[in-house]
Amino acid sequence: MAINLFVDVLIVSLERIILFKGCVCDSGWSGVSCDVDIDECKDYQMTCNEPNTRCLNTPGNATCACNVGYRRNSTSGLCEGMRVL
Protein backbone atom coordinates (compact mmCIF):
# COMPACT_ATOMS: atom_id res chain seq x y z
CA MET A 1 0.00 0.00 0.00
CA ALA A 2 1.32 3.42 -0.87
CA ILE A 3 2.17 5.91 1.83
CA ASN A 4 0.72 9.33 1.23
CA LEU A 5 2.28 12.50 2.51
CA PHE A 6 0.11 15.54 3.14
CA VAL A 7 1.83 18.68 1.98
CA ASP A 8 1.16 22.31 1.15
CA VAL A 9 2.47 23.15 -2.30
CA LEU A 10 2.86 26.68 -3.54
CA ILE A 11 2.37 26.88 -7.30
CA VAL A 12 3.56 30.12 -8.85
CA SER A 13 2.75 31.20 -12.38
CA LEU A 14 2.89 34.56 -14.11
CA GLU A 15 -0.86 35.05 -13.70
CA ARG A 16 -1.53 33.81 -10.18
CA ILE A 17 -0.29 32.18 -7.02
CA ILE A 18 -2.16 29.07 -5.87
CA LEU A 19 -1.87 27.29 -2.54
CA PHE A 20 -2.65 23.62 -3.05
CA LYS A 21 -3.23 21.21 -0.18
CA GLY A 22 -3.16 17.56 -1.09
CA CYS A 23 -1.36 14.26 -1.02
CA VAL A 24 1.87 13.39 -2.76
CA CYS A 25 1.78 9.74 -3.77
CA ASP A 26 4.66 7.32 -4.00
CA SER A 27 5.89 6.56 -7.50
CA GLY A 28 3.47 4.26 -9.31
CA TRP A 29 0.38 5.38 -7.36
CA SER A 30 -2.23 8.10 -7.84
CA GLY A 31 -5.65 9.18 -6.59
CA VAL A 32 -6.90 11.14 -3.60
CA SER A 33 -5.85 8.37 -1.20
CA CYS A 34 -2.89 7.17 -3.30
CA ASP A 35 -4.66 3.85 -3.80
CA VAL A 36 -4.90 3.84 -7.61
CA ASP A 37 -2.17 1.87 -9.36
CA ILE A 38 -0.69 3.67 -12.38
CA ASP A 39 -0.34 1.34 -15.37
CA GLU A 40 3.25 2.06 -16.40
CA CYS A 41 2.82 -0.16 -19.49
CA LYS A 42 0.01 2.04 -20.81
CA ASP A 43 0.98 4.79 -23.23
CA TYR A 44 4.54 3.36 -23.39
CA GLN A 45 5.70 4.83 -20.06
CA MET A 46 7.83 1.69 -19.80
CA THR A 47 9.13 -0.31 -22.72
CA CYS A 48 10.87 -3.66 -22.84
CA ASN A 49 13.69 -3.69 -25.37
CA GLU A 50 14.83 -7.29 -24.84
CA PRO A 51 13.66 -9.79 -27.47
CA ASN A 52 10.60 -11.93 -26.64
CA THR A 53 9.44 -9.73 -23.73
CA ARG A 54 6.41 -7.63 -22.87
CA CYS A 55 5.64 -5.03 -20.23
CA LEU A 56 3.71 -6.45 -17.26
CA ASN A 57 2.07 -3.98 -14.88
CA THR A 58 2.47 -4.82 -11.18
CA PRO A 59 1.13 -2.95 -8.12
CA GLY A 60 3.05 0.33 -7.96
CA ASN A 61 5.52 -0.71 -10.65
CA ALA A 62 6.05 -2.65 -13.87
CA THR A 63 8.44 -5.31 -15.09
CA CYS A 64 9.48 -6.96 -18.33
CA ALA A 65 8.15 -10.52 -18.54
CA CYS A 66 8.76 -13.23 -21.11
CA ASN A 67 6.15 -13.63 -23.83
CA VAL A 68 3.94 -16.73 -23.81
CA GLY A 69 5.98 -19.75 -24.89
CA TYR A 70 9.24 -18.29 -23.57
CA ARG A 71 11.00 -18.48 -20.22
CA ARG A 72 13.89 -16.55 -18.72
CA ASN A 73 17.23 -18.36 -18.93
CA SER A 74 18.75 -18.35 -15.44
CA THR A 75 22.26 -17.95 -16.85
CA SER A 76 21.83 -15.37 -19.63
CA GLY A 77 18.72 -13.65 -18.25
CA LEU A 78 17.20 -13.65 -21.75
CA CYS A 79 13.78 -15.01 -22.67
CA GLU A 80 14.23 -18.17 -24.71
CA GLY A 81 11.71 -20.44 -26.41
CA MET A 82 10.66 -23.42 -24.30
CA ARG A 83 11.60 -26.79 -25.73
CA VAL A 84 8.82 -29.30 -26.31
CA LEU A 85 9.79 -32.81 -25.22
PDB file of N, CA and C in Angstrom:
ATOM      1  N   MET A   1       0.857  -1.181   0.000  1.00  0.00           N
ATOM      2  CA  MET A   1       0.000   0.000   0.000  1.00  0.00           C
ATOM      3  C   MET A   1       0.890   1.226   0.000  1.00  0.00           C
ATOM      4  N   ALA A   2       0.548   2.188  -0.756  1.00  0.00           N
ATOM      5  CA  ALA A   2       1.324   3.419  -0.873  1.00  0.00           C
ATOM      6  C   ALA A   2       1.160   4.273   0.375  1.00  0.00           C
ATOM      7  N   ILE A   3       2.203   4.964   0.710  1.00  0.00           N
ATOM      8  CA  ILE A   3       2.166   5.905   1.830  1.00  0.00           C
ATOM      9  C   ILE A   3       1.944   7.285   1.237  1.00  0.00           C
ATOM     10  N   ASN A   4       0.937   7.984   1.747  1.00  0.00           N
ATOM     11  CA  ASN A   4       0.716   9.328   1.226  1.00  0.00           C
ATOM     12  C   ASN A   4       1.205  10.355   2.235  1.00  0.00           C
ATOM     13  N   LEU A   5       1.712  11.428   1.713  1.00  0.00           N
ATOM     14  CA  LEU A   5       2.283  12.496   2.513  1.00  0.00           C
ATOM     15  C   LEU A   5       1.469  13.747   2.253  1.00  0.00           C
ATOM     16  N   PHE A   6       0.917  14.328   3.297  1.00  0.00           N
ATOM     17  CA  PHE A   6       0.109  15.539   3.140  1.00  0.00           C
ATOM     18  C   PHE A   6       1.038  16.739   3.140  1.00  0.00           C
ATOM     19  N   VAL A   7       0.945  17.531   2.107  1.00  0.00           N
ATOM     20  CA  VAL A   7       1.833  18.685   1.981  1.00  0.00           C
ATOM     21  C   VAL A   7       1.062  19.902   1.504  1.00  0.00           C
ATOM     22  N   ASP A   8       1.633  21.058   1.736  1.00  0.00           N
ATOM     23  CA  ASP A   8       1.157  22.306   1.149  1.00  0.00           C
ATOM     24  C   ASP A   8       2.136  22.657   0.034  1.00  0.00           C
ATOM     25  N   VAL A   9       1.623  22.830  -1.150  1.00  0.00           N
ATOM     26  CA  VAL A   9       2.467  23.146  -2.296  1.00  0.00           C
ATOM     27  C   VAL A   9       2.092  24.522  -2.806  1.00  0.00           C
ATOM     28  N   LEU A  10       3.076  25.352  -2.991  1.00  0.00           N
ATOM     29  CA  LEU A  10       2.862  26.685  -3.537  1.00  0.00           C
ATOM     30  C   LEU A  10       3.198  26.636  -5.023  1.00  0.00           C
ATOM     31  N   ILE A  11       2.188  26.873  -5.860  1.00  0.00           N
ATOM     32  CA  ILE A  11       2.373  26.877  -7.302  1.00  0.00           C
ATOM     33  C   ILE A  11       2.364  28.327  -7.760  1.00  0.00           C
ATOM     34  N   VAL A  12       3.431  28.734  -8.406  1.00  0.00           N
ATOM     35  CA  VAL A  12       3.562  30.117  -8.847  1.00  0.00           C
ATOM     36  C   VAL A  12       3.576  30.145 -10.370  1.00  0.00           C
ATOM     37  N   SER A  13       2.723  30.964 -10.940  1.00  0.00           N
ATOM     38  CA  SER A  13       2.752  31.197 -12.382  1.00  0.00           C
ATOM     39  C   SER A  13       2.749  32.701 -12.597  1.00  0.00           C
ATOM     40  N   LEU A  14       2.873  33.123 -13.825  1.00  0.00           N
ATOM     41  CA  LEU A  14       2.890  34.559 -14.109  1.00  0.00           C
ATOM     42  C   LEU A  14       1.560  35.217 -13.793  1.00  0.00           C
ATOM     43  N   GLU A  15       0.469  34.472 -13.899  1.00  0.00           N
ATOM     44  CA  GLU A  15      -0.855  35.049 -13.701  1.00  0.00           C
ATOM     45  C   GLU A  15      -1.347  34.996 -12.261  1.00  0.00           C
ATOM     46  N   ARG A  16      -0.937  33.972 -11.511  1.00  0.00           N
ATOM     47  CA  ARG A  16      -1.535  33.807 -10.183  1.00  0.00           C
ATOM     48  C   ARG A  16      -0.651  32.955  -9.277  1.00  0.00           C
ATOM     49  N   ILE A  17      -0.945  33.023  -8.014  1.00  0.00           N
ATOM     50  CA  ILE A  17      -0.294  32.176  -7.021  1.00  0.00           C
ATOM     51  C   ILE A  17      -1.388  31.309  -6.405  1.00  0.00           C
ATOM     52  N   ILE A  18      -1.161  30.007  -6.370  1.00  0.00           N
ATOM     53  CA  ILE A  18      -2.165  29.067  -5.873  1.00  0.00           C
ATOM     54  C   ILE A  18      -1.554  28.271  -4.723  1.00  0.00           C
ATOM     55  N   LEU A  19      -2.277  28.156  -3.633  1.00  0.00           N
ATOM     56  CA  LEU A  19      -1.869  27.288  -2.535  1.00  0.00           C
ATOM     57  C   LEU A  19      -2.682  26.012  -2.650  1.00  0.00           C
ATOM     58  N   PHE A  20      -1.993  24.912  -2.841  1.00  0.00           N
ATOM     59  CA  PHE A  20      -2.654  23.623  -3.046  1.00  0.00           C
ATOM     60  C   PHE A  20      -2.357  22.723  -1.863  1.00  0.00           C
ATOM     61  N   LYS A  21      -3.393  22.178  -1.263  1.00  0.00           N
ATOM     62  CA  LYS A  21      -3.232  21.211  -0.182  1.00  0.00           C
ATOM     63  C   LYS A  21      -3.662  19.860  -0.727  1.00  0.00           C
ATOM     64  N   GLY A  22      -2.815  18.873  -0.586  1.00  0.00           N
ATOM     65  CA  GLY A  22      -3.162  17.555  -1.089  1.00  0.00           C
ATOM     66  C   GLY A  22      -2.097  16.537  -0.742  1.00  0.00           C
ATOM     67  N   CYS A  23      -2.267  15.368  -1.290  1.00  0.00           N
ATOM     68  CA  CYS A  23      -1.357  14.264  -1.024  1.00  0.00           C
ATOM     69  C   CYS A  23      -0.342  14.128  -2.148  1.00  0.00           C
ATOM     70  N   VAL A  24       0.845  13.737  -1.789  1.00  0.00           N
ATOM     71  CA  VAL A  24       1.867  13.388  -2.763  1.00  0.00           C
ATOM     72  C   VAL A  24       2.035  11.882  -2.672  1.00  0.00           C
ATOM     73  N   CYS A  25       1.745  11.204  -3.762  1.00  0.00           N
ATOM     74  CA  CYS A  25       1.775   9.739  -3.769  1.00  0.00           C
ATOM     75  C   CYS A  25       3.169   9.222  -4.094  1.00  0.00           C
ATOM     76  N   ASP A  26       3.444   8.010  -3.609  1.00  0.00           N
ATOM     77  CA  ASP A  26       4.661   7.317  -4.002  1.00  0.00           C
ATOM     78  C   ASP A  26       4.628   7.065  -5.498  1.00  0.00           C
ATOM     79  N   SER A  27       5.784   6.870  -6.084  1.00  0.00           N
ATOM     80  CA  SER A  27       5.891   6.562  -7.505  1.00  0.00           C
ATOM     81  C   SER A  27       5.062   5.322  -7.824  1.00  0.00           C
ATOM     82  N   GLY A  28       4.285   5.391  -8.901  1.00  0.00           N
ATOM     83  CA  GLY A  28       3.471   4.257  -9.312  1.00  0.00           C
ATOM     84  C   GLY A  28       2.047   4.288  -8.790  1.00  0.00           C
ATOM     85  N   TRP A  29       1.717   5.283  -7.960  1.00  0.00           N
ATOM     86  CA  TRP A  29       0.379   5.377  -7.363  1.00  0.00           C
ATOM     87  C   TRP A  29      -0.214   6.755  -7.623  1.00  0.00           C
ATOM     88  N   SER A  30      -1.543   6.828  -7.670  1.00  0.00           N
ATOM     89  CA  SER A  30      -2.234   8.104  -7.844  1.00  0.00           C
ATOM     90  C   SER A  30      -3.561   8.047  -7.103  1.00  0.00           C
ATOM     91  N   GLY A  31      -4.338   9.115  -7.230  1.00  0.00           N
ATOM     92  CA  GLY A  31      -5.648   9.175  -6.589  1.00  0.00           C
ATOM     93  C   GLY A  31      -5.607   9.970  -5.306  1.00  0.00           C
ATOM     94  N   VAL A  32      -6.774  10.326  -4.810  1.00  0.00           N
ATOM     95  CA  VAL A  32      -6.900  11.138  -3.598  1.00  0.00           C
ATOM     96  C   VAL A  32      -6.252  10.449  -2.406  1.00  0.00           C
ATOM     97  N   SER A  33      -6.417   9.133  -2.310  1.00  0.00           N
ATOM     98  CA  SER A  33      -5.845   8.374  -1.197  1.00  0.00           C
ATOM     99  C   SER A  33      -4.606   7.587  -1.602  1.00  0.00           C
ATOM    100  N   CYS A  34      -4.071   7.875  -2.776  1.00  0.00           N
ATOM    101  CA  CYS A  34      -2.889   7.175  -3.297  1.00  0.00           C
ATOM    102  C   CYS A  34      -3.110   5.666  -3.375  1.00  0.00           C
ATOM    103  N   ASP A  35      -4.333   5.274  -3.739  1.00  0.00           N
ATOM    104  CA  ASP A  35      -4.663   3.849  -3.799  1.00  0.00           C
ATOM    105  C   ASP A  35      -4.961   3.368  -5.218  1.00  0.00           C
ATOM    106  N   VAL A  36      -4.662   4.204  -6.216  1.00  0.00           N
ATOM    107  CA  VAL A  36      -4.902   3.838  -7.608  1.00  0.00           C
ATOM    108  C   VAL A  36      -3.557   3.529  -8.259  1.00  0.00           C
ATOM    109  N   ASP A  37      -3.405   2.287  -8.713  1.00  0.00           N
ATOM    110  CA  ASP A  37      -2.168   1.866  -9.363  1.00  0.00           C
ATOM    111  C   ASP A  37      -2.069   2.500 -10.742  1.00  0.00           C
ATOM    112  N   ILE A  38      -0.940   3.128 -11.046  1.00  0.00           N
ATOM    113  CA  ILE A  38      -0.689   3.671 -12.379  1.00  0.00           C
ATOM    114  C   ILE A  38      -0.190   2.531 -13.253  1.00  0.00           C
ATOM    115  N   ASP A  39      -0.771   2.374 -14.435  1.00  0.00           N
ATOM    116  CA  ASP A  39      -0.337   1.336 -15.371  1.00  0.00           C
ATOM    117  C   ASP A  39       0.838   1.885 -16.179  1.00  0.00           C
ATOM    118  N   GLU A  40       2.055   1.551 -15.744  1.00  0.00           N
ATOM    119  CA  GLU A  40       3.255   2.057 -16.404  1.00  0.00           C
ATOM    120  C   GLU A  40       3.417   1.512 -17.820  1.00  0.00           C
ATOM    121  N   CYS A  41       2.739   0.416 -18.143  1.00  0.00           N
ATOM    122  CA  CYS A  41       2.816  -0.159 -19.488  1.00  0.00           C
ATOM    123  C   CYS A  41       1.944   0.618 -20.472  1.00  0.00           C
ATOM    124  N   LYS A  42       0.924   1.282 -19.957  1.00  0.00           N
ATOM    125  CA  LYS A  42       0.006   2.040 -20.805  1.00  0.00           C
ATOM    126  C   LYS A  42       0.718   3.274 -21.360  1.00  0.00           C
ATOM    127  N   ASP A  43       0.411   3.611 -22.574  1.00  0.00           N
ATOM    128  CA  ASP A  43       0.984   4.793 -23.225  1.00  0.00           C
ATOM    129  C   ASP A  43       2.510   4.755 -23.270  1.00  0.00           C
ATOM    130  N   TYR A  44       3.092   3.562 -23.233  1.00  0.00           N
ATOM    131  CA  TYR A  44       4.542   3.363 -23.385  1.00  0.00           C
ATOM    132  C   TYR A  44       5.374   4.122 -22.358  1.00  0.00           C
ATOM    133  N   GLN A  45       4.889   4.227 -21.115  1.00  0.00           N
ATOM    134  CA  GLN A  45       5.696   4.834 -20.057  1.00  0.00           C
ATOM    135  C   GLN A  45       6.896   3.950 -19.742  1.00  0.00           C
ATOM    136  N   MET A  46       6.734   2.642 -19.967  1.00  0.00           N
ATOM    137  CA  MET A  46       7.833   1.695 -19.796  1.00  0.00           C
ATOM    138  C   MET A  46       7.848   0.797 -21.018  1.00  0.00           C
ATOM    139  N   THR A  47       9.012   0.586 -21.574  1.00  0.00           N
ATOM    140  CA  THR A  47       9.132  -0.309 -22.720  1.00  0.00           C
ATOM    141  C   THR A  47      10.150  -1.393 -22.405  1.00  0.00           C
ATOM    142  N   CYS A  48       9.950  -2.537 -23.000  1.00  0.00           N
ATOM    143  CA  CYS A  48      10.868  -3.664 -22.842  1.00  0.00           C
ATOM    144  C   CYS A  48      11.603  -3.845 -24.165  1.00  0.00           C
ATOM    145  N   ASN A  49      12.901  -3.639 -24.145  1.00  0.00           N
ATOM    146  CA  ASN A  49      13.692  -3.694 -25.366  1.00  0.00           C
ATOM    147  C   ASN A  49      14.316  -5.058 -25.628  1.00  0.00           C
ATOM    148  N   GLU A  50      14.277  -5.951 -24.636  1.00  0.00           N
ATOM    149  CA  GLU A  50      14.832  -7.288 -24.843  1.00  0.00           C
ATOM    150  C   GLU A  50      13.923  -8.068 -25.782  1.00  0.00           C
ATOM    151  N   PRO A  51      14.494  -8.966 -26.585  1.00  0.00           N
ATOM    152  CA  PRO A  51      13.661  -9.789 -27.469  1.00  0.00           C
ATOM    153  C   PRO A  51      12.737 -10.703 -26.668  1.00  0.00           C
ATOM    154  N   ASN A  52      11.569 -10.971 -27.201  1.00  0.00           N
ATOM    155  CA  ASN A  52      10.603 -11.926 -26.641  1.00  0.00           C
ATOM    156  C   ASN A  52      10.068 -11.518 -25.269  1.00  0.00           C
ATOM    157  N   THR A  53       9.969 -10.209 -25.008  1.00  0.00           N
ATOM    158  CA  THR A  53       9.438  -9.733 -23.728  1.00  0.00           C
ATOM    159  C   THR A  53       8.280  -8.776 -23.941  1.00  0.00           C
ATOM    160  N   ARG A  54       7.523  -8.579 -22.871  1.00  0.00           N
ATOM    161  CA  ARG A  54       6.410  -7.630 -22.874  1.00  0.00           C
ATOM    162  C   ARG A  54       6.385  -6.939 -21.512  1.00  0.00           C
ATOM    163  N   CYS A  55       5.800  -5.768 -21.480  1.00  0.00           N
ATOM    164  CA  CYS A  55       5.643  -5.027 -20.234  1.00  0.00           C
ATOM    165  C   CYS A  55       4.498  -5.645 -19.438  1.00  0.00           C
ATOM    166  N   LEU A  56       4.725  -5.883 -18.156  1.00  0.00           N
ATOM    167  CA  LEU A  56       3.715  -6.448 -17.263  1.00  0.00           C
ATOM    168  C   LEU A  56       3.536  -5.491 -16.091  1.00  0.00           C
ATOM    169  N   ASN A  57       2.342  -4.898 -15.971  1.00  0.00           N
ATOM    170  CA  ASN A  57       2.067  -3.975 -14.878  1.00  0.00           C
ATOM    171  C   ASN A  57       1.941  -4.753 -13.573  1.00  0.00           C
ATOM    172  N   THR A  58       2.567  -4.235 -12.520  1.00  0.00           N
ATOM    173  CA  THR A  58       2.466  -4.815 -11.185  1.00  0.00           C
ATOM    174  C   THR A  58       2.056  -3.693 -10.230  1.00  0.00           C
ATOM    175  N   PRO A  59       1.558  -4.005  -9.037  1.00  0.00           N
ATOM    176  CA  PRO A  59       1.128  -2.946  -8.121  1.00  0.00           C
ATOM    177  C   PRO A  59       2.264  -1.964  -7.806  1.00  0.00           C
ATOM    178  N   GLY A  60       2.082  -0.719  -8.238  1.00  0.00           N
ATOM    179  CA  GLY A  60       3.049   0.332  -7.963  1.00  0.00           C
ATOM    180  C   GLY A  60       4.287   0.319  -8.843  1.00  0.00           C
ATOM    181  N   ASN A  61       4.324  -0.575  -9.830  1.00  0.00           N
ATOM    182  CA  ASN A  61       5.519  -0.706 -10.645  1.00  0.00           C
ATOM    183  C   ASN A  61       5.186  -1.422 -11.944  1.00  0.00           C
ATOM    184  N   ALA A  62       6.195  -1.837 -12.667  1.00  0.00           N
ATOM    185  CA  ALA A  62       6.046  -2.647 -13.873  1.00  0.00           C
ATOM    186  C   ALA A  62       7.341  -3.416 -14.066  1.00  0.00           C
ATOM    187  N   THR A  63       7.267  -4.501 -14.818  1.00  0.00           N
ATOM    188  CA  THR A  63       8.445  -5.313 -15.087  1.00  0.00           C
ATOM    189  C   THR A  63       8.361  -5.858 -16.504  1.00  0.00           C
ATOM    190  N   CYS A  64       9.471  -6.314 -17.020  1.00  0.00           N
ATOM    191  CA  CYS A  64       9.485  -6.960 -18.330  1.00  0.00           C
ATOM    192  C   CYS A  64       9.389  -8.466 -18.109  1.00  0.00           C
ATOM    193  N   ALA A  65       8.374  -9.082 -18.686  1.00  0.00           N
ATOM    194  CA  ALA A  65       8.148 -10.520 -18.541  1.00  0.00           C
ATOM    195  C   ALA A  65       8.326 -11.190 -19.898  1.00  0.00           C
ATOM    196  N   CYS A  66       8.625 -12.472 -19.866  1.00  0.00           N
ATOM    197  CA  CYS A  66       8.762 -13.234 -21.108  1.00  0.00           C
ATOM    198  C   CYS A  66       7.394 -13.409 -21.757  1.00  0.00           C
ATOM    199  N   ASN A  67       7.382 -13.361 -23.086  1.00  0.00           N
ATOM    200  CA  ASN A  67       6.153 -13.633 -23.832  1.00  0.00           C
ATOM    201  C   ASN A  67       5.717 -15.073 -23.604  1.00  0.00           C
ATOM    202  N   VAL A  68       4.463 -15.371 -23.921  1.00  0.00           N
ATOM    203  CA  VAL A  68       3.937 -16.732 -23.812  1.00  0.00           C
ATOM    204  C   VAL A  68       4.785 -17.647 -24.693  1.00  0.00           C
ATOM    205  N   GLY A  69       5.161 -18.802 -24.158  1.00  0.00           N
ATOM    206  CA  GLY A  69       5.983 -19.752 -24.893  1.00  0.00           C
ATOM    207  C   GLY A  69       7.476 -19.558 -24.680  1.00  0.00           C
ATOM    208  N   TYR A  70       7.836 -18.563 -23.864  1.00  0.00           N
ATOM    209  CA  TYR A  70       9.240 -18.287 -23.569  1.00  0.00           C
ATOM    210  C   TYR A  70       9.435 -18.299 -22.061  1.00  0.00           C
ATOM    211  N   ARG A  71      10.664 -18.566 -21.645  1.00  0.00           N
ATOM    212  CA  ARG A  71      10.996 -18.477 -20.219  1.00  0.00           C
ATOM    213  C   ARG A  71      12.383 -17.869 -20.091  1.00  0.00           C
ATOM    214  N   ARG A  72      12.617 -17.250 -18.945  1.00  0.00           N
ATOM    215  CA  ARG A  72      13.886 -16.553 -18.721  1.00  0.00           C
ATOM    216  C   ARG A  72      14.976 -17.578 -18.409  1.00  0.00           C
ATOM    217  N   ASN A  73      16.072 -17.506 -19.152  1.00  0.00           N
ATOM    218  CA  ASN A  73      17.231 -18.360 -18.930  1.00  0.00           C
ATOM    219  C   ASN A  73      17.942 -17.865 -17.679  1.00  0.00           C
ATOM    220  N   SER A  74      18.163 -18.758 -16.715  1.00  0.00           N
ATOM    221  CA  SER A  74      18.750 -18.350 -15.436  1.00  0.00           C
ATOM    222  C   SER A  74      20.205 -17.914 -15.581  1.00  0.00           C
ATOM    223  N   THR A  75      20.869 -18.333 -16.643  1.00  0.00           N
ATOM    224  CA  THR A  75      22.263 -17.948 -16.855  1.00  0.00           C
ATOM    225  C   THR A  75      22.375 -16.636 -17.623  1.00  0.00           C
ATOM    226  N   SER A  76      21.715 -16.559 -18.771  1.00  0.00           N
ATOM    227  CA  SER A  76      21.834 -15.367 -19.625  1.00  0.00           C
ATOM    228  C   SER A  76      20.861 -14.259 -19.239  1.00  0.00           C
ATOM    229  N   GLY A  77      19.749 -14.627 -18.601  1.00  0.00           N
ATOM    230  CA  GLY A  77      18.725 -13.650 -18.247  1.00  0.00           C
ATOM    231  C   GLY A  77      17.801 -13.307 -19.401  1.00  0.00           C
ATOM    232  N   LEU A  78      18.027 -13.917 -20.575  1.00  0.00           N
ATOM    233  CA  LEU A  78      17.203 -13.645 -21.751  1.00  0.00           C
ATOM    234  C   LEU A  78      16.016 -14.595 -21.812  1.00  0.00           C
ATOM    235  N   CYS A  79      14.957 -14.160 -22.485  1.00  0.00           N
ATOM    236  CA  CYS A  79      13.781 -15.008 -22.673  1.00  0.00           C
ATOM    237  C   CYS A  79      14.016 -15.898 -23.893  1.00  0.00           C
ATOM    238  N   GLU A  80      13.982 -17.201 -23.657  1.00  0.00           N
ATOM    239  CA  GLU A  80      14.232 -18.170 -24.715  1.00  0.00           C
ATOM    240  C   GLU A  80      13.013 -19.053 -24.893  1.00  0.00           C
ATOM    241  N   GLY A  81      12.829 -19.547 -26.123  1.00  0.00           N
ATOM    242  CA  GLY A  81      11.711 -20.438 -26.409  1.00  0.00           C
ATOM    243  C   GLY A  81      11.812 -21.716 -25.594  1.00  0.00           C
ATOM    244  N   MET A  82      10.666 -22.176 -25.078  1.00  0.00           N
ATOM    245  CA  MET A  82      10.655 -23.418 -24.302  1.00  0.00           C
ATOM    246  C   MET A  82      10.702 -24.603 -25.256  1.00  0.00           C
ATOM    247  N   ARG A  83      11.485 -25.590 -24.905  1.00  0.00           N
ATOM    248  CA  ARG A  83      11.600 -26.791 -25.725  1.00  0.00           C
ATOM    249  C   ARG A  83      10.444 -27.728 -25.424  1.00  0.00           C
ATOM    250  N   VAL A  84       9.892 -28.313 -26.468  1.00  0.00           N
ATOM    251  CA  VAL A  84       8.823 -29.296 -26.311  1.00  0.00           C
ATOM    252  C   VAL A  84       9.469 -30.665 -26.334  1.00  0.00           C
ATOM    253  N   LEU A  85       9.204 -31.462 -25.303  1.00  0.00           N
ATOM    254  CA  LEU A  85       9.787 -32.813 -25.224  1.00  0.00           C
ATOM    255  C   LEU A  85       8.897 -33.832 -25.867  1.00  0.00           C
TER     256      LEU A  85
END
